[in-house]
C-alpha cells in the first residue's frame, strides 16, 4: 500500500543550523528553498523549516511511561534496523538526548523503541520503531 506523504512546516531560528541538523546529521535530502525556508525529505515526507526565531523552543511536557515527553514534537516511525542505525548515528555524533534511546511500554501492546532529540532551534523530534509494525495503533 502506498501511503500519502505527510507535510509539516515548523519554525527555526537559523536556516544554516537547520541545514546542518536535518541535512547533514539526519541525512535528509534538501529540496526547494528560499531566504526564508528550506524543504527537506524527512524519511519520505516533506518538512519545511521556516525562518521564525521568535516561535522556537516550546517547553511544555507530559508524563508518558515514566518520561517527561515534550508536548510539541514531531518525528517518524522507522523500521527497527533503521531506528538502531539512527540511534547509533546520533550517539556517535554526540547528540544530546531529551530522552535516551530505549524501550517504552515494555511488554504492553504499544511497546516501542524511542528516542527524543532537539534540533538547534529547540524543536523536539521523536524517532521510534515497533518490533511489529502492525502494532502501531494497537490499544
N, C-alpha and C. Protein backbone atom coordinates (compact mmCIF):
# COMPACT_ATOMS: atom_id res chain seq x y z
N UNK A 1 0.83 -1.17 0.00
CA UNK A 1 0.00 0.00 0.00
C UNK A 1 0.88 1.25 0.00
N UNK A 2 0.57 2.18 -0.84
CA UNK A 2 1.28 3.45 -0.86
C UNK A 2 0.56 4.43 0.06
N UNK A 3 1.31 5.01 0.97
CA UNK A 3 0.72 5.96 1.91
C UNK A 3 0.92 7.38 1.41
N UNK A 4 -0.01 8.27 1.74
CA UNK A 4 0.20 9.68 1.39
C UNK A 4 1.42 10.23 2.15
N UNK A 5 2.06 11.19 1.55
CA UNK A 5 3.17 11.85 2.24
C UNK A 5 2.62 12.89 3.20
N UNK A 6 3.29 13.01 4.32
CA UNK A 6 2.92 13.99 5.32
C UNK A 6 3.71 15.27 5.07
N UNK A 7 3.11 16.42 5.35
CA UNK A 7 3.76 17.72 5.21
C UNK A 7 3.70 18.44 6.55
N UNK A 8 4.82 18.98 6.99
CA UNK A 8 4.86 19.72 8.24
C UNK A 8 5.76 20.93 8.07
N UNK A 9 5.28 22.11 8.42
CA UNK A 9 6.07 23.33 8.45
C UNK A 9 6.32 23.68 9.92
N UNK A 10 7.54 24.11 10.24
CA UNK A 10 7.89 24.40 11.63
C UNK A 10 8.92 25.53 11.66
N UNK A 11 8.99 26.23 12.81
CA UNK A 11 9.89 27.38 12.89
C UNK A 11 11.32 26.98 13.25
N UNK A 12 12.27 27.71 12.70
CA UNK A 12 13.68 27.58 13.08
C UNK A 12 14.26 28.98 13.26
N UNK A 13 15.33 29.06 14.04
CA UNK A 13 15.96 30.35 14.27
C UNK A 13 17.02 30.68 13.24
N UNK A 14 17.54 29.64 12.53
CA UNK A 14 18.64 29.85 11.60
C UNK A 14 18.60 28.74 10.54
N UNK A 15 18.57 29.12 9.28
CA UNK A 15 18.49 28.11 8.21
C UNK A 15 19.78 27.31 8.05
N UNK A 16 20.92 27.92 8.31
CA UNK A 16 22.19 27.18 8.21
C UNK A 16 22.24 26.08 9.27
N UNK A 17 21.79 26.39 10.49
CA UNK A 17 21.72 25.36 11.53
C UNK A 17 20.76 24.25 11.13
N UNK A 18 19.62 24.63 10.56
CA UNK A 18 18.64 23.63 10.13
C UNK A 18 19.23 22.73 9.05
N UNK A 19 19.93 23.33 8.11
CA UNK A 19 20.57 22.52 7.05
C UNK A 19 21.60 21.56 7.64
N UNK A 20 22.37 22.00 8.60
CA UNK A 20 23.37 21.13 9.22
C UNK A 20 22.71 19.98 9.98
N UNK A 21 21.66 20.27 10.73
CA UNK A 21 21.00 19.24 11.54
C UNK A 21 20.21 18.27 10.66
N UNK A 22 19.28 18.80 9.87
CA UNK A 22 18.40 17.93 9.07
C UNK A 22 19.13 17.33 7.87
N UNK A 23 19.95 18.15 7.22
CA UNK A 23 20.65 17.68 6.02
C UNK A 23 21.84 16.81 6.33
N UNK A 24 22.75 17.32 7.16
CA UNK A 24 23.99 16.59 7.41
C UNK A 24 23.85 15.52 8.49
N UNK A 25 23.33 15.88 9.66
CA UNK A 25 23.24 14.90 10.75
C UNK A 25 22.20 13.82 10.48
N UNK A 26 20.97 14.24 10.11
CA UNK A 26 19.92 13.24 9.88
C UNK A 26 19.95 12.66 8.47
N UNK A 27 20.65 13.30 7.54
CA UNK A 27 20.75 12.78 6.18
C UNK A 27 19.54 13.05 5.31
N UNK A 28 18.78 14.10 5.63
CA UNK A 28 17.58 14.44 4.86
C UNK A 28 17.99 15.26 3.62
N UNK A 29 17.58 14.79 2.46
CA UNK A 29 17.88 15.50 1.22
C UNK A 29 17.14 16.83 1.20
N UNK A 30 17.84 17.86 0.76
CA UNK A 30 17.22 19.18 0.66
C UNK A 30 16.47 19.33 -0.65
N UNK A 31 15.31 19.96 -0.59
CA UNK A 31 14.52 20.26 -1.78
C UNK A 31 14.61 21.73 -2.10
N UNK A 32 13.47 22.31 -2.40
CA UNK A 32 13.42 23.74 -2.73
C UNK A 32 13.74 24.57 -1.49
N UNK A 33 14.12 25.83 -1.74
CA UNK A 33 14.40 26.73 -0.62
C UNK A 33 14.32 28.18 -1.09
N UNK A 34 14.31 29.06 -0.11
CA UNK A 34 14.40 30.49 -0.35
C UNK A 34 15.23 31.07 0.78
N UNK A 35 15.25 32.38 0.91
CA UNK A 35 15.96 33.00 2.02
C UNK A 35 15.21 32.84 3.33
N UNK A 36 13.96 32.34 3.28
CA UNK A 36 13.13 32.23 4.48
C UNK A 36 12.69 30.81 4.83
N UNK A 37 12.95 29.83 3.98
CA UNK A 37 12.52 28.46 4.26
C UNK A 37 13.35 27.45 3.47
N UNK A 38 13.34 26.20 3.95
CA UNK A 38 14.02 25.09 3.29
C UNK A 38 13.15 23.84 3.41
N UNK A 39 12.93 23.17 2.27
CA UNK A 39 12.24 21.87 2.25
C UNK A 39 13.25 20.75 2.50
N UNK A 40 12.83 19.74 3.25
CA UNK A 40 13.66 18.54 3.44
C UNK A 40 12.81 17.30 3.19
N UNK A 41 13.45 16.27 2.65
CA UNK A 41 12.85 14.95 2.51
C UNK A 41 13.11 14.23 3.82
N UNK A 42 12.10 14.22 4.70
CA UNK A 42 12.21 13.65 6.04
C UNK A 42 11.68 12.22 6.00
N UNK A 43 12.54 11.30 5.59
CA UNK A 43 12.18 9.89 5.51
C UNK A 43 10.96 9.67 4.63
N UNK A 44 10.94 10.38 3.50
CA UNK A 44 9.84 10.24 2.54
C UNK A 44 8.72 11.24 2.72
N UNK A 45 8.81 12.09 3.73
CA UNK A 45 7.79 13.10 4.00
C UNK A 45 8.40 14.49 3.83
N UNK A 46 7.57 15.46 3.56
CA UNK A 46 8.06 16.81 3.33
C UNK A 46 7.94 17.64 4.60
N UNK A 47 9.08 18.11 5.09
CA UNK A 47 9.07 19.06 6.19
C UNK A 47 9.69 20.35 5.69
N UNK A 48 9.23 21.47 6.23
CA UNK A 48 9.72 22.76 5.78
C UNK A 48 10.13 23.59 6.99
N UNK A 49 11.41 23.90 7.05
CA UNK A 49 11.96 24.74 8.11
C UNK A 49 11.76 26.20 7.69
N UNK A 50 10.91 26.91 8.43
CA UNK A 50 10.63 28.32 8.14
C UNK A 50 11.38 29.20 9.14
N UNK A 51 12.08 30.19 8.65
CA UNK A 51 12.79 31.12 9.50
C UNK A 51 11.80 31.94 10.31
N UNK A 52 11.82 31.75 11.63
CA UNK A 52 10.92 32.46 12.54
C UNK A 52 11.46 32.32 13.96
N UNK A 53 12.56 32.99 14.26
CA UNK A 53 13.24 32.81 15.55
C UNK A 53 12.36 33.04 16.78
N UNK A 54 11.37 33.90 16.68
CA UNK A 54 10.55 34.20 17.86
C UNK A 54 9.59 33.08 18.22
N UNK A 55 9.43 32.07 17.36
CA UNK A 55 8.47 31.00 17.62
C UNK A 55 9.11 29.69 18.08
N UNK A 56 10.40 29.66 18.32
CA UNK A 56 11.07 28.40 18.63
C UNK A 56 11.17 28.14 20.12
N UNK A 57 11.38 26.86 20.48
CA UNK A 57 11.71 26.49 21.84
C UNK A 57 10.56 26.23 22.80
N UNK A 58 9.45 25.66 22.34
CA UNK A 58 8.33 25.33 23.25
C UNK A 58 8.82 24.35 24.32
N UNK A 59 8.31 24.47 25.54
CA UNK A 59 8.81 23.69 26.66
C UNK A 59 7.81 22.80 27.37
N UNK A 60 6.51 22.88 27.09
CA UNK A 60 5.52 22.08 27.83
C UNK A 60 5.81 20.59 27.68
N UNK A 61 5.55 19.83 28.76
CA UNK A 61 5.82 18.38 28.75
C UNK A 61 4.66 17.63 29.40
N UNK A 62 4.49 16.38 29.00
CA UNK A 62 3.52 15.46 29.59
C UNK A 62 4.25 14.21 30.04
N UNK A 63 3.73 13.60 31.09
CA UNK A 63 4.30 12.37 31.64
C UNK A 63 3.82 11.18 30.80
N UNK A 64 4.76 10.43 30.21
CA UNK A 64 4.43 9.25 29.41
C UNK A 64 5.37 8.11 29.80
N UNK A 65 4.81 7.07 30.39
CA UNK A 65 5.57 5.86 30.75
C UNK A 65 6.89 6.19 31.45
N UNK A 66 6.83 7.07 32.44
CA UNK A 66 7.99 7.38 33.25
C UNK A 66 8.91 8.46 32.70
N UNK A 67 8.57 9.04 31.58
CA UNK A 67 9.40 10.09 30.96
C UNK A 67 8.60 11.37 30.81
N UNK A 68 9.29 12.50 30.77
CA UNK A 68 8.67 13.79 30.52
C UNK A 68 8.83 14.10 29.02
N UNK A 69 7.76 13.88 28.28
CA UNK A 69 7.76 14.00 26.82
C UNK A 69 7.37 15.42 26.41
N UNK A 70 8.16 16.06 25.54
CA UNK A 70 7.77 17.38 25.06
C UNK A 70 6.42 17.30 24.35
N UNK A 71 5.50 18.17 24.72
CA UNK A 71 4.17 18.16 24.10
C UNK A 71 4.29 18.46 22.61
N UNK A 72 5.01 19.51 22.28
CA UNK A 72 5.17 19.88 20.87
C UNK A 72 6.39 19.15 20.31
N UNK A 73 6.13 18.14 19.50
CA UNK A 73 7.21 17.41 18.85
C UNK A 73 6.67 16.76 17.58
N UNK A 74 7.60 16.33 16.74
CA UNK A 74 7.24 15.57 15.56
C UNK A 74 8.32 14.54 15.33
N UNK A 75 8.06 13.60 14.45
CA UNK A 75 9.05 12.58 14.19
C UNK A 75 8.58 11.59 13.16
N UNK A 76 9.16 10.42 13.24
CA UNK A 76 8.85 9.39 12.25
C UNK A 76 8.97 8.02 12.91
N UNK A 77 8.18 7.08 12.41
CA UNK A 77 8.27 5.69 12.84
C UNK A 77 9.11 4.96 11.80
N UNK A 78 10.24 4.45 12.24
CA UNK A 78 11.17 3.75 11.36
C UNK A 78 11.06 2.24 11.54
N UNK A 79 11.63 1.50 10.65
CA UNK A 79 11.80 0.06 10.84
C UNK A 79 12.90 -0.10 11.89
N UNK A 80 12.84 -1.16 12.69
CA UNK A 80 13.75 -1.32 13.82
C UNK A 80 15.24 -1.23 13.42
N UNK A 81 15.69 -1.86 12.34
CA UNK A 81 17.11 -1.71 11.99
C UNK A 81 17.48 -0.25 11.66
N UNK A 82 16.57 0.47 11.01
CA UNK A 82 16.82 1.87 10.68
C UNK A 82 16.86 2.72 11.95
N UNK A 83 15.98 2.41 12.92
CA UNK A 83 15.97 3.13 14.19
C UNK A 83 17.30 2.91 14.92
N UNK A 84 17.75 1.66 14.97
CA UNK A 84 19.02 1.36 15.64
C UNK A 84 20.18 2.11 14.98
N UNK A 85 20.17 2.14 13.65
CA UNK A 85 21.22 2.84 12.90
C UNK A 85 21.19 4.34 13.22
N UNK A 86 20.00 4.94 13.23
CA UNK A 86 19.89 6.36 13.53
C UNK A 86 20.30 6.65 14.97
N UNK A 87 19.87 5.81 15.92
CA UNK A 87 20.26 6.00 17.32
C UNK A 87 21.79 5.98 17.45
N UNK A 88 22.44 5.03 16.80
CA UNK A 88 23.90 4.95 16.85
C UNK A 88 24.53 6.16 16.18
N UNK A 89 23.98 6.60 15.07
CA UNK A 89 24.50 7.78 14.36
C UNK A 89 24.43 9.02 15.26
N UNK A 90 23.29 9.20 15.93
CA UNK A 90 23.14 10.34 16.84
C UNK A 90 24.09 10.23 18.03
N UNK A 91 24.20 9.03 18.61
CA UNK A 91 25.13 8.83 19.73
C UNK A 91 26.56 9.13 19.31
N UNK A 92 26.96 8.62 18.15
CA UNK A 92 28.33 8.83 17.66
C UNK A 92 28.61 10.30 17.36
N UNK A 93 27.57 11.06 17.01
CA UNK A 93 27.72 12.49 16.72
C UNK A 93 27.70 13.33 18.00
N UNK A 94 27.49 12.67 19.15
CA UNK A 94 27.46 13.39 20.41
C UNK A 94 26.16 14.15 20.65
N UNK A 95 25.07 13.69 20.02
CA UNK A 95 23.78 14.35 20.21
C UNK A 95 23.37 14.32 21.67
N UNK A 96 22.73 15.38 22.10
CA UNK A 96 22.18 15.44 23.46
C UNK A 96 20.74 14.96 23.37
N UNK A 97 20.43 13.89 24.06
CA UNK A 97 19.09 13.32 24.01
C UNK A 97 18.21 13.94 25.08
N UNK A 98 17.01 14.32 24.69
CA UNK A 98 15.99 14.70 25.67
C UNK A 98 15.54 13.45 26.41
N UNK A 99 15.35 12.39 25.65
CA UNK A 99 15.04 11.07 26.20
C UNK A 99 15.96 10.09 25.48
N UNK A 100 16.78 9.40 26.26
CA UNK A 100 17.78 8.47 25.71
C UNK A 100 17.10 7.35 24.92
N UNK A 101 17.79 6.78 23.95
CA UNK A 101 17.24 5.63 23.23
C UNK A 101 16.90 4.50 24.20
N UNK A 102 15.69 3.97 24.04
CA UNK A 102 15.25 2.89 24.92
C UNK A 102 13.89 2.38 24.50
N UNK A 103 13.33 1.49 25.31
CA UNK A 103 12.05 0.87 25.01
C UNK A 103 10.99 1.43 25.96
N UNK A 104 9.87 1.82 25.39
CA UNK A 104 8.73 2.36 26.15
C UNK A 104 7.60 1.34 26.10
N UNK A 105 6.77 1.32 27.12
CA UNK A 105 5.62 0.42 27.22
C UNK A 105 6.04 -1.04 27.08
N UNK A 106 7.18 -1.38 27.69
CA UNK A 106 7.72 -2.74 27.56
C UNK A 106 6.70 -3.78 28.02
N UNK A 107 6.52 -4.82 27.18
CA UNK A 107 5.60 -5.90 27.48
C UNK A 107 4.14 -5.58 27.25
N UNK A 108 3.85 -4.36 26.78
CA UNK A 108 2.48 -3.93 26.52
C UNK A 108 2.22 -3.89 25.01
N UNK A 109 0.95 -3.78 24.61
CA UNK A 109 0.64 -3.77 23.17
C UNK A 109 1.37 -2.67 22.38
N UNK A 110 1.63 -1.53 22.98
CA UNK A 110 2.28 -0.43 22.27
C UNK A 110 3.78 -0.37 22.46
N UNK A 111 4.41 -1.49 22.83
CA UNK A 111 5.86 -1.49 23.06
C UNK A 111 6.60 -0.92 21.85
N UNK A 112 7.54 -0.01 22.13
CA UNK A 112 8.25 0.67 21.04
C UNK A 112 9.62 1.14 21.50
N UNK A 113 10.55 1.13 20.58
CA UNK A 113 11.85 1.76 20.81
C UNK A 113 11.67 3.23 20.48
N UNK A 114 12.24 4.11 21.29
CA UNK A 114 12.04 5.54 21.07
C UNK A 114 13.26 6.32 21.53
N UNK A 115 13.39 7.50 20.99
CA UNK A 115 14.39 8.47 21.45
C UNK A 115 13.90 9.86 21.07
N UNK A 116 14.33 10.84 21.84
CA UNK A 116 13.99 12.24 21.58
C UNK A 116 15.26 13.08 21.53
N UNK A 117 15.32 13.97 20.56
CA UNK A 117 16.38 14.97 20.47
C UNK A 117 15.74 16.31 20.13
N UNK A 118 16.51 17.37 20.29
CA UNK A 118 16.08 18.70 19.84
C UNK A 118 16.97 19.13 18.69
N UNK A 119 16.39 19.84 17.73
CA UNK A 119 17.21 20.46 16.70
C UNK A 119 17.82 21.73 17.29
N UNK A 120 18.71 22.40 16.58
CA UNK A 120 19.36 23.59 17.14
C UNK A 120 18.39 24.72 17.51
N UNK A 121 17.18 24.71 16.96
CA UNK A 121 16.19 25.74 17.27
C UNK A 121 15.30 25.36 18.46
N UNK A 122 15.52 24.18 19.02
CA UNK A 122 14.73 23.74 20.16
C UNK A 122 13.52 22.91 19.81
N UNK A 123 13.31 22.60 18.54
CA UNK A 123 12.19 21.73 18.14
C UNK A 123 12.49 20.30 18.57
N UNK A 124 11.55 19.68 19.26
CA UNK A 124 11.73 18.31 19.72
C UNK A 124 11.32 17.33 18.62
N UNK A 125 12.14 16.31 18.43
CA UNK A 125 11.86 15.26 17.45
C UNK A 125 11.89 13.91 18.14
N UNK A 126 10.93 13.06 17.78
CA UNK A 126 10.89 11.69 18.30
C UNK A 126 11.08 10.73 17.13
N UNK A 127 11.96 9.77 17.35
CA UNK A 127 12.15 8.69 16.39
C UNK A 127 11.81 7.41 17.13
N UNK A 128 10.93 6.60 16.51
CA UNK A 128 10.50 5.39 17.18
C UNK A 128 10.43 4.24 16.18
N UNK A 129 10.33 3.03 16.73
CA UNK A 129 10.19 1.82 15.92
C UNK A 129 9.45 0.78 16.73
N UNK A 130 8.70 -0.04 16.04
CA UNK A 130 7.99 -1.15 16.65
C UNK A 130 8.59 -2.45 16.13
N UNK A 131 8.77 -3.43 17.00
CA UNK A 131 9.26 -4.73 16.54
C UNK A 131 8.27 -5.32 15.53
N UNK A 132 6.98 -5.04 15.73
CA UNK A 132 5.92 -5.49 14.83
C UNK A 132 5.14 -4.26 14.39
N UNK A 133 5.33 -3.84 13.16
CA UNK A 133 4.73 -2.61 12.65
C UNK A 133 3.20 -2.64 12.69
N UNK A 134 2.61 -3.83 12.71
CA UNK A 134 1.16 -3.91 12.76
C UNK A 134 0.62 -3.48 14.13
N UNK A 135 1.49 -3.24 15.10
CA UNK A 135 1.07 -2.86 16.46
C UNK A 135 1.09 -1.35 16.70
N UNK A 136 1.34 -0.56 15.65
CA UNK A 136 1.44 0.89 15.82
C UNK A 136 0.18 1.47 16.44
N UNK A 137 -1.00 1.03 16.03
CA UNK A 137 -2.25 1.60 16.53
C UNK A 137 -3.00 0.67 17.49
N UNK A 138 -2.34 -0.38 17.95
CA UNK A 138 -2.98 -1.32 18.87
C UNK A 138 -3.27 -0.64 20.19
N UNK A 139 -4.43 -0.93 20.75
CA UNK A 139 -4.82 -0.32 22.04
C UNK A 139 -4.46 -1.22 23.19
